[in-house]
Amino acid sequence: MSDDLTAWLGANARRLATLDPDADDDADLLPLLEIVGDARVVAIGESMHRIHEMYLVRHRILRFLARHGFTAYVMESGFPEARLVDDWVSGRSTRPVREVLERGVTYSMGRCQEMLDLLAWLRTDGGVRFYGADVPDSAASARPAVEAMEAFLADVDPGYAAHVLADLLPLFDYLPADRSGIAQAAPALHAYIALPAAERAALTALVGELAERVRARRIDYLEAGADPRAVAFAEHAARVARQTDAFLAAMPAGATRAYPPGNVRDVTMADTVEWVLEREPRVVVAAANGHVQRTPFHAPPFVPQPMTTMGRELADRLGDDLVVLGTTFGGGTAWLHRPGPDDAPGHSTPFTQDLGAPDPTSLDAALAAPGLGSYYVDLRPADGAAAAALDATRGTHNGTELQLVDARRAFDAVVHVDRVTPWHTWIPMPERR
């Protein structure tokens, strides 16, 4: 740890008085406006999912930015499913909120009090829309997007809707019937990979046909009196369905492919953020550090080759209209899960794990060393020895794992959380023995 970096952080870090989104005083966040400037997109990362403090940080910053012209929250969650959430927060739906969280927030990331509190504020505030940026079904299938398309087409193109219902949707019957487990994506992906190549090809062909049909008939739908917002949603949902199928279709080749992989999922998220920007003046995007960073994602041995991220795509497209806030932490406890011997397919057993001290070569360790508590800092003004010390760090933590990243190229600023604790989930922990 460089003394120069310690001194620089002492002069430039902006301490967070609280992480509580309900705090009345937001004076500690005012310097954030200088970091954000006139950017239309503020992307907030999180070091790992299912962490209480990461939910709070995003929620508190969203509330603050909503008072300064930001009108949408775009989450790392399925695009078609998120409409259930937006309908609820906008008052168009009276579904039970836990059902909305279960069905409308993918990757099981809605199963917690933190997300319920966020949705309750969104519904009460009334000025912030909710969108999902990600591929649907927790990245396991295009089915939710196709189902949304069939519901739209039933009103505006009933003959084609009947074709989707009879010929395309049955092709998803390979998916496991039980999709309630927090690890449900795993058996769904295994089932897709196990399909005969001809069945995967038929699925790809019909999803592609659907996407092109909706694109080609857009004006027809509008002239027939369809709601322009519904048409726009349907057109993008069809695009997302096609991209999801492409994301999945690359999996069966695996390590046998003779070419490097492409990050279709992150490109899809970037496309959706741009789609939202056509409808909203300024947006907050919430996703993992590895999605929002401006640099390629590289986390060997899990991701052995660098892959273009959503943040890198958005940086190329938006330029100064994008500001990226990464996150780090100084230690604490994580909520994790793994399949147990008695767990049904797609289900797993939760447990907590002490994360220990950060890797001494990590950005997390460098930002924790001065003992400033929880704070945020703009990395862009760093120069001289402080910049050199930041550049000497190797990456950021996702739990105990280190993801390789060039901090000052990846993030404009970083929010450092002193200690992390598990989310307040409704998923029961097993009794300790």
Protein backbone atom coordinates (compact mmCIF):
# COMPACT_ATOMS: atom_id res chain seq x y z
CA MET A 1 0.00 0.00 0.00
CA SER A 2 1.50 3.32 -1.11
CA ASP A 3 1.69 6.20 1.38
CA ASP A 4 0.96 8.44 -1.58
CA LEU A 5 -2.28 6.61 -2.31
CA THR A 6 -3.25 6.78 1.36
CA ALA A 7 -2.70 10.52 1.35
CA TRP A 8 -4.54 10.95 -1.95
CA LEU A 9 -7.52 8.96 -0.70
CA GLY A 10 -7.55 10.93 2.53
CA ALA A 11 -7.86 14.13 0.50
CA ASN A 12 -10.25 12.91 -2.21
CA ALA A 13 -12.51 10.22 -0.70
CA ARG A 14 -16.05 11.31 0.14
CA ARG A 15 -17.23 9.42 3.20
CA LEU A 16 -20.74 8.01 3.22
CA ALA A 17 -22.59 9.11 6.33
CA THR A 18 -24.94 6.12 5.92
CA LEU A 19 -25.99 3.44 3.46
CA ASP A 20 -29.62 3.73 4.55
CA PRO A 21 -31.79 4.79 1.58
CA ASP A 22 -34.33 6.30 4.00
CA ALA A 23 -31.81 8.79 5.38
CA ASP A 24 -33.15 12.34 5.28
CA ASP A 25 -29.80 14.07 4.78
CA ASP A 26 -28.01 13.47 1.47
CA ALA A 27 -25.32 16.13 1.85
CA ASP A 28 -22.66 13.42 1.73
CA LEU A 29 -23.82 12.53 -1.80
CA LEU A 30 -23.67 16.03 -3.27
CA PRO A 31 -20.09 15.63 -4.56
CA LEU A 32 -21.41 12.71 -6.61
CA LEU A 33 -23.03 15.27 -8.89
CA GLU A 34 -19.57 16.50 -9.89
CA ILE A 35 -18.59 12.95 -10.82
CA VAL A 36 -21.78 12.37 -12.80
CA GLY A 37 -21.79 15.71 -14.57
CA ASP A 38 -24.17 15.75 -17.54
CA ALA A 39 -23.96 12.00 -18.19
CA ARG A 40 -27.22 10.35 -19.21
CA VAL A 41 -26.23 6.92 -17.87
CA VAL A 42 -24.78 6.15 -14.46
CA ALA A 43 -23.85 2.47 -14.23
CA ILE A 44 -23.42 1.19 -10.67
CA GLY A 45 -21.60 -2.11 -10.25
CA GLU A 46 -21.72 -4.58 -7.41
CA SER A 47 -18.88 -6.76 -6.25
CA MET A 48 -21.13 -9.77 -5.85
CA HIS A 49 -24.82 -10.52 -5.88
CA ARG A 50 -27.03 -11.10 -2.83
CA ILE A 51 -25.15 -8.68 -0.58
CA HIS A 52 -27.21 -6.43 1.69
CA GLU A 53 -24.96 -3.38 1.41
CA MET A 54 -24.75 -3.53 -2.39
CA TYR A 55 -28.55 -3.35 -2.63
CA LEU A 56 -28.54 -0.39 -0.22
CA VAL A 57 -25.81 1.51 -2.09
CA ARG A 58 -27.68 1.25 -5.40
CA HIS A 59 -31.00 2.14 -3.79
CA ARG A 60 -29.61 5.20 -2.00
CA ILE A 61 -27.78 6.51 -5.05
CA LEU A 62 -30.88 5.93 -7.21
CA ARG A 63 -33.03 7.98 -4.83
CA PHE A 64 -30.46 10.77 -4.86
CA LEU A 65 -30.09 10.82 -8.64
CA ALA A 66 -33.87 10.69 -9.07
CA ARG A 67 -33.93 14.13 -7.48
CA HIS A 68 -31.56 15.30 -10.20
CA GLY A 69 -33.31 14.25 -13.38
CA PHE A 70 -32.86 10.45 -13.52
CA THR A 71 -36.13 8.73 -14.39
CA ALA A 72 -35.36 5.03 -14.83
CA TYR A 73 -33.71 2.13 -13.01
CA VAL A 74 -32.32 -0.50 -15.40
CA MET A 75 -31.33 -3.72 -13.66
CA GLU A 76 -29.36 -6.83 -14.58
CA SER A 77 -32.61 -8.76 -14.97
CA GLY A 78 -34.65 -10.17 -17.83
CA PHE A 79 -36.12 -7.59 -20.22
CA PRO A 80 -39.56 -9.17 -20.80
CA GLU A 81 -40.05 -10.17 -17.16
CA ALA A 82 -39.33 -6.63 -15.93
CA ARG A 83 -42.59 -5.39 -17.41
CA LEU A 84 -44.36 -7.12 -14.50
CA VAL A 85 -42.31 -4.99 -12.12
CA ASP A 86 -42.87 -1.75 -14.02
CA ASP A 87 -46.60 -2.41 -14.16
CA TRP A 88 -46.61 -2.80 -10.38
CA VAL A 89 -44.47 0.23 -9.53
CA SER A 90 -46.49 2.34 -11.99
CA GLY A 91 -49.76 1.31 -10.32
CA ARG A 92 -51.07 -0.59 -13.35
CA SER A 93 -50.95 -3.91 -11.49
CA THR A 94 -52.35 -5.10 -8.17
CA ARG A 95 -50.46 -8.40 -8.09
CA PRO A 96 -48.98 -9.32 -4.69
CA VAL A 97 -45.56 -7.70 -4.50
CA ARG A 98 -43.76 -10.95 -3.67
CA GLU A 99 -45.21 -12.53 -6.79
CA VAL A 100 -43.94 -9.54 -8.76
CA LEU A 101 -40.47 -9.96 -7.26
CA GLU A 102 -40.48 -13.70 -7.90
CA ARG A 103 -41.62 -13.54 -11.52
CA GLY A 104 -40.37 -10.12 -12.55
CA VAL A 105 -36.78 -10.11 -11.25
CA THR A 106 -34.63 -12.88 -12.70
CA TYR A 107 -31.68 -14.80 -11.23
CA SER A 108 -33.82 -14.99 -8.03
CA MET A 109 -32.43 -11.55 -7.11
CA GLY A 110 -35.88 -10.28 -6.13
CA ARG A 111 -36.31 -12.74 -3.28
CA CYS A 112 -35.28 -10.32 -0.57
CA GLN A 113 -36.48 -7.47 1.61
CA GLU A 114 -34.04 -5.07 -0.03
CA MET A 115 -35.74 -5.40 -3.43
CA LEU A 116 -39.18 -5.21 -1.85
CA ASP A 117 -38.16 -1.95 -0.18
CA LEU A 118 -36.86 -0.60 -3.50
CA LEU A 119 -40.09 -1.47 -5.32
CA ALA A 120 -42.17 0.04 -2.54
CA TRP A 121 -40.26 3.30 -2.92
CA LEU A 122 -40.56 3.22 -6.71
CA ARG A 123 -44.33 2.75 -6.42
CA THR A 124 -44.70 5.50 -3.83
CA ASP A 125 -42.38 7.96 -5.56
CA GLY A 126 -44.04 7.51 -8.94
CA GLY A 127 -41.32 9.17 -10.95
CA VAL A 128 -38.89 6.33 -11.75
CA ARG A 129 -39.58 3.51 -14.22
CA PHE A 130 -38.18 -0.02 -13.87
CA TYR A 131 -36.58 -1.89 -16.77
CA GLY A 132 -34.66 -5.15 -17.14
CA ALA A 133 -31.64 -5.05 -19.43
CA ASP A 134 -30.75 -8.72 -19.54
CA VAL A 135 -31.65 -11.78 -21.57
CA PRO A 136 -34.70 -13.55 -20.07
CA ASP A 137 -35.24 -16.62 -17.92
CA SER A 138 -32.05 -16.10 -15.88
CA ALA A 139 -30.11 -16.55 -19.14
CA ALA A 140 -31.56 -20.06 -19.55
CA SER A 141 -34.03 -19.68 -22.45
CA ALA A 142 -35.82 -17.24 -24.73
CA ARG A 143 -39.24 -18.55 -23.66
CA PRO A 144 -40.39 -15.51 -21.60
CA ALA A 145 -39.66 -13.20 -24.55
CA VAL A 146 -41.54 -15.50 -26.94
CA GLU A 147 -44.48 -15.70 -24.51
CA ALA A 148 -44.61 -11.91 -24.35
CA MET A 149 -44.59 -11.80 -28.13
CA GLU A 150 -47.43 -14.32 -28.42
CA ALA A 151 -49.56 -12.26 -26.01
CA PHE A 152 -48.95 -9.13 -28.11
CA LEU A 153 -49.58 -10.86 -31.42
CA ALA A 154 -52.85 -12.38 -30.19
CA ASP A 155 -54.37 -8.91 -30.49
CA VAL A 156 -52.63 -7.50 -33.57
CA ASP A 157 -51.63 -10.54 -35.63
CA PRO A 158 -53.81 -13.45 -34.43
CA GLY A 159 -53.00 -15.79 -37.29
CA TYR A 160 -49.30 -15.55 -36.59
CA ALA A 161 -49.93 -15.76 -32.85
CA ALA A 162 -51.62 -19.11 -33.47
CA HIS A 163 -48.51 -20.25 -35.35
CA VAL A 164 -46.26 -19.20 -32.42
CA LEU A 165 -48.55 -21.00 -30.00
CA ALA A 166 -48.72 -24.18 -32.06
CA ASP A 167 -45.24 -24.43 -33.53
CA LEU A 168 -42.72 -22.34 -31.56
CA LEU A 169 -43.69 -22.41 -27.89
CA PRO A 170 -43.92 -26.26 -27.79
CA LEU A 171 -40.23 -26.36 -28.72
CA PHE A 172 -39.51 -25.13 -25.18
CA ASP A 173 -41.09 -28.23 -23.66
CA TYR A 174 -37.57 -29.53 -23.04
CA LEU A 175 -37.27 -27.10 -20.12
CA PRO A 176 -37.60 -28.72 -16.67
CA ALA A 177 -41.04 -28.41 -15.13
CA ASP A 178 -39.68 -27.25 -11.77
CA ARG A 179 -38.20 -23.77 -12.22
CA SER A 180 -38.53 -22.67 -8.58
CA GLY A 181 -34.98 -23.36 -7.37
CA ILE A 182 -32.35 -20.67 -7.09
CA ALA A 183 -30.10 -22.79 -9.32
CA GLN A 184 -32.86 -23.58 -11.83
CA ALA A 185 -30.86 -22.23 -14.78
CA ALA A 186 -28.33 -25.07 -14.57
CA PRO A 187 -30.64 -28.01 -15.46
CA ALA A 188 -32.38 -25.80 -18.04
CA LEU A 189 -29.08 -25.13 -19.79
CA HIS A 190 -28.09 -28.78 -19.58
CA ALA A 191 -31.43 -29.74 -21.14
CA TYR A 192 -30.86 -27.28 -24.00
CA ILE A 193 -27.35 -28.55 -24.69
CA ALA A 194 -28.67 -32.13 -24.68
CA LEU A 195 -31.20 -31.37 -27.44
CA PRO A 196 -30.46 -32.90 -30.85
CA ALA A 197 -28.82 -30.37 -33.14
CA ALA A 198 -31.83 -30.43 -35.47
CA GLU A 199 -34.17 -29.38 -32.65
CA ARG A 200 -31.89 -26.52 -31.62
CA ALA A 201 -31.75 -25.42 -35.27
CA ALA A 202 -35.55 -25.51 -35.55
CA LEU A 203 -35.81 -23.35 -32.43
CA THR A 204 -33.31 -20.86 -33.85
CA ALA A 205 -35.14 -20.69 -37.17
CA LEU A 206 -38.55 -19.99 -35.66
CA VAL A 207 -37.25 -17.43 -33.15
CA GLY A 208 -35.51 -15.64 -36.02
CA GLU A 209 -38.66 -15.76 -38.13
CA LEU A 210 -40.64 -14.26 -35.23
CA ALA A 211 -38.19 -11.38 -34.80
CA GLU A 212 -38.22 -10.54 -38.49
CA ARG A 213 -42.02 -10.83 -38.69
CA VAL A 214 -42.53 -8.26 -35.94
CA ARG A 215 -39.95 -5.93 -37.43
CA ALA A 216 -41.47 -6.18 -40.90
CA ARG A 217 -45.06 -5.61 -39.72
CA ARG A 218 -44.37 -2.81 -37.23
CA ILE A 219 -46.02 -0.15 -39.38
CA ASP A 220 -48.97 -2.44 -40.10
CA TYR A 221 -49.54 -2.88 -36.37
CA LEU A 222 -49.39 0.87 -35.78
CA GLU A 223 -51.77 1.64 -38.65
CA ALA A 224 -54.21 -0.92 -37.26
CA GLY A 225 -54.34 1.06 -34.01
CA ALA A 226 -51.90 -0.83 -31.80
CA ASP A 227 -50.46 1.14 -28.89
CA PRO A 228 -47.05 2.49 -30.05
CA ARG A 229 -45.53 1.63 -26.67
CA ALA A 230 -46.71 -1.97 -26.98
CA VAL A 231 -45.32 -2.19 -30.51
CA ALA A 232 -41.95 -0.81 -29.40
CA PHE A 233 -41.83 -3.26 -26.49
CA ALA A 234 -42.75 -6.16 -28.76
CA GLU A 235 -40.16 -5.26 -31.36
CA HIS A 236 -37.40 -5.12 -28.75
CA ALA A 237 -38.64 -8.28 -27.02
CA ALA A 238 -38.38 -10.07 -30.36
CA ARG A 239 -34.84 -8.79 -30.78
CA VAL A 240 -33.97 -9.96 -27.27
CA ALA A 241 -35.48 -13.39 -28.02
CA ARG A 242 -33.23 -13.71 -31.07
CA GLN A 243 -30.16 -12.58 -29.12
CA THR A 244 -30.96 -14.99 -26.29
CA ASP A 245 -31.18 -17.86 -28.74
CA ALA A 246 -27.81 -16.84 -30.20
CA PHE A 247 -26.33 -16.69 -26.69
CA LEU A 248 -27.53 -20.24 -26.02
CA ALA A 249 -26.69 -21.63 -29.44
CA ALA A 250 -22.99 -20.94 -28.86
CA MET A 251 -22.90 -23.20 -25.80
CA PRO A 252 -23.01 -26.70 -27.27
CA ALA A 253 -19.77 -26.10 -29.20
CA GLY A 254 -18.01 -25.22 -25.94
CA ALA A 255 -14.27 -25.70 -25.93
CA THR A 256 -14.33 -27.39 -29.34
CA ARG A 257 -15.03 -24.15 -31.21
CA ALA A 258 -12.16 -22.89 -33.33
CA TYR A 259 -12.89 -19.20 -32.72
CA PRO A 260 -13.07 -16.95 -29.65
CA PRO A 261 -16.47 -16.49 -27.98
CA GLY A 262 -18.56 -13.34 -28.26
CA ASN A 263 -20.41 -11.85 -25.30
CA VAL A 264 -23.90 -11.80 -26.81
CA ARG A 265 -25.46 -11.35 -23.38
CA ASP A 266 -23.62 -8.10 -22.63
CA VAL A 267 -24.29 -6.74 -26.11
CA THR A 268 -27.97 -7.44 -25.49
CA MET A 269 -27.84 -5.48 -22.24
CA ALA A 270 -26.13 -2.55 -23.98
CA ASP A 271 -28.75 -2.62 -26.74
CA THR A 272 -31.51 -2.53 -24.14
CA VAL A 273 -29.95 0.39 -22.27
CA GLU A 274 -29.89 2.31 -25.57
CA TRP A 275 -33.52 1.31 -26.14
CA VAL A 276 -34.42 2.72 -22.71
CA LEU A 277 -32.52 5.93 -23.48
CA GLU A 278 -34.87 6.51 -26.41
CA ARG A 279 -37.64 6.77 -23.80
CA GLU A 280 -35.98 8.21 -20.70
CA PRO A 281 -33.73 11.28 -20.31
CA ARG A 282 -31.28 9.83 -17.77
CA VAL A 283 -31.01 6.32 -16.33
CA VAL A 284 -29.29 4.40 -13.56
CA VAL A 285 -28.02 0.96 -14.59
CA ALA A 286 -27.38 -1.65 -11.88
CA ALA A 287 -25.34 -4.76 -12.65
CA ALA A 288 -22.28 -6.68 -11.54
CA ASN A 289 -18.89 -4.97 -11.78
CA GLY A 290 -18.01 -7.41 -14.54
CA HIS A 291 -20.88 -6.11 -16.68
CA VAL A 292 -20.56 -2.36 -16.10
CA GLN A 293 -16.77 -2.04 -16.38
CA ARG A 294 -15.45 -0.21 -19.42
CA THR A 295 -12.77 -2.83 -20.05
CA PRO A 296 -13.05 -6.49 -21.18
CA PHE A 297 -14.09 -9.02 -18.55
CA HIS A 298 -11.34 -11.47 -17.64
CA ALA A 299 -11.61 -13.87 -14.71
CA PRO A 300 -9.44 -16.98 -15.31
CA PRO A 301 -9.94 -19.88 -15.08
CA PHE A 302 -13.72 -19.30 -15.36
CA VAL A 303 -13.42 -16.74 -18.19
CA PRO A 304 -10.01 -17.48 -19.72
CA GLN A 305 -10.31 -15.04 -22.63
CA PRO A 306 -11.20 -11.33 -22.23
CA MET A 307 -14.77 -10.60 -23.35
CA THR A 308 -16.38 -7.29 -24.25
CA THR A 309 -18.73 -6.05 -21.54
CA MET A 310 -21.91 -4.01 -21.51
CA GLY A 311 -19.87 -1.13 -20.11
CA ARG A 312 -17.36 -1.33 -22.93
CA GLU A 313 -20.17 -1.34 -25.49
CA LEU A 314 -21.85 1.64 -23.85
CA ALA A 315 -18.58 3.55 -23.56
CA ASP A 316 -18.08 3.13 -27.31
CA ARG A 317 -21.64 4.22 -28.10
CA LEU A 318 -22.24 6.94 -25.52
CA GLY A 319 -18.85 8.52 -24.85
CA ASP A 320 -19.14 11.16 -22.13
CA ASP A 321 -22.79 10.27 -21.59
CA LEU A 322 -21.66 7.28 -19.50
CA VAL A 323 -20.22 7.29 -15.97
CA VAL A 324 -19.27 3.97 -14.37
CA LEU A 325 -19.17 3.46 -10.60
CA GLY A 326 -17.48 0.23 -9.55
CA THR A 327 -17.70 -1.23 -6.06
CA THR A 328 -15.18 -2.77 -3.67
CA PHE A 329 -15.36 -4.02 -0.09
CA GLY A 330 -13.03 -4.51 2.83
CA GLY A 331 -14.31 -7.84 4.12
CA GLY A 332 -17.36 -9.41 5.67
CA THR A 333 -19.71 -12.33 5.07
CA ALA A 334 -21.32 -13.58 1.85
CA TRP A 335 -24.50 -15.58 1.19
CA LEU A 336 -23.70 -18.45 -1.15
CA HIS A 337 -25.35 -21.68 -2.26
CA ARG A 338 -24.34 -25.00 -3.75
CA PRO A 339 -26.24 -28.17 -4.70
CA GLY A 340 -26.36 -30.69 -1.90
CA PRO A 341 -26.70 -34.48 -2.20
CA ASP A 342 -30.38 -34.32 -1.29
CA ASP A 343 -31.27 -31.30 -3.41
CA ALA A 344 -33.54 -31.75 -6.41
CA PRO A 345 -32.20 -30.58 -9.79
CA GLY A 346 -32.18 -26.80 -9.89
CA HIS A 347 -32.25 -26.48 -6.11
CA SER A 348 -29.31 -25.87 -3.82
CA THR A 349 -28.44 -25.38 -0.17
CA PRO A 350 -27.61 -21.86 1.08
CA PHE A 351 -24.73 -21.13 3.43
CA THR A 352 -22.75 -18.14 4.60
CA GLN A 353 -19.01 -17.71 4.25
CA ASP A 354 -16.51 -15.38 5.87
CA LEU A 355 -14.75 -13.58 3.04
CA GLY A 356 -11.58 -12.88 4.98
CA ALA A 357 -9.20 -10.08 4.08
CA PRO A 358 -9.02 -8.94 0.45
CA ASP A 359 -6.18 -10.14 -1.74
CA PRO A 360 -3.31 -7.69 -1.03
CA THR A 361 -2.91 -7.04 -4.77
CA SER A 362 -6.58 -6.12 -5.22
CA LEU A 363 -8.19 -2.72 -5.57
CA ASP A 364 -10.37 -3.73 -2.62
CA ALA A 365 -7.32 -4.03 -0.37
CA ALA A 366 -5.88 -0.74 -1.61
CA LEU A 367 -9.08 1.15 -0.88
CA ALA A 368 -9.62 -0.57 2.48
CA ALA A 369 -6.11 0.11 3.77
CA PRO A 370 -6.57 3.74 4.89
CA GLY A 371 -9.44 2.72 7.20
CA LEU A 372 -11.83 5.40 5.95
CA GLY A 373 -14.96 3.26 6.34
CA SER A 374 -17.47 3.37 3.48
CA TYR A 375 -16.89 6.08 0.89
CA TYR A 376 -16.73 6.91 -2.80
CA VAL A 377 -13.89 8.39 -4.79
CA ASP A 378 -13.42 9.72 -8.31
CA LEU A 379 -10.45 7.86 -9.82
CA ARG A 380 -10.03 10.16 -12.80
CA PRO A 381 -8.07 12.95 -11.03
CA ALA A 382 -5.48 10.51 -9.64
CA ASP A 383 -1.96 11.23 -10.90
CA GLY A 384 1.66 10.63 -10.04
CA ALA A 385 2.39 8.08 -7.35
CA ALA A 386 -1.29 7.68 -6.41
CA ALA A 387 -2.18 6.76 -9.99
CA ALA A 388 0.76 4.37 -10.13
CA ALA A 389 -0.43 2.65 -6.95
CA LEU A 390 -3.94 2.25 -8.37
CA ASP A 391 -2.51 0.92 -11.62
CA ALA A 392 -0.49 -1.65 -9.67
CA THR A 393 -3.63 -3.34 -8.35
CA ARG A 394 -4.62 -6.50 -10.21
CA GLY A 395 -8.39 -6.60 -9.96
CA THR A 396 -11.54 -6.49 -7.86
CA HIS A 397 -13.10 -9.14 -5.70
CA ASN A 398 -16.21 -11.16 -6.50
CA GLY A 399 -16.48 -12.90 -3.17
CA THR A 400 -13.13 -14.56 -2.57
CA GLU A 401 -12.27 -14.66 -6.28
CA LEU A 402 -10.24 -11.96 -7.99
CA GLN A 403 -11.45 -10.64 -11.34
CA LEU A 404 -8.60 -9.12 -13.32
CA VAL A 405 -9.25 -5.48 -14.12
CA ASP A 406 -7.34 -2.26 -14.79
CA ALA A 407 -9.14 -0.12 -12.22
CA ARG A 408 -8.67 3.36 -13.67
CA ARG A 409 -9.59 2.26 -17.17
CA ALA A 410 -12.55 0.19 -15.98
CA PHE A 411 -14.21 2.62 -13.55
CA ASP A 412 -14.64 6.38 -13.41
CA ALA A 413 -15.24 6.19 -9.67
CA VAL A 414 -15.55 3.51 -7.00
CA VAL A 415 -17.88 3.08 -4.04
CA HIS A 416 -16.02 1.26 -1.28
CA VAL A 417 -18.07 -0.56 1.37
CA ASP A 418 -16.26 -1.21 4.61
CA ARG A 419 -17.98 -4.50 5.53
CA VAL A 420 -20.56 -6.60 3.70
CA THR A 421 -23.27 -8.91 5.01
CA PRO A 422 -25.77 -11.31 3.39
CA TRP A 423 -28.97 -10.06 1.81
CA HIS A 424 -32.19 -10.30 3.84
CA THR A 425 -33.69 -13.10 1.82
CA TRP A 426 -36.81 -15.19 2.16
CA ILE A 427 -34.86 -18.32 1.18
CA PRO A 428 -34.47 -20.27 4.45
CA MET A 429 -31.05 -21.22 5.73
CA PRO A 430 -30.64 -24.83 6.90
CA GLU A 431 -30.38 -25.38 10.63
CA ARG A 432 -26.80 -25.41 11.82
CA ARG A 433 -25.61 -28.75 13.15
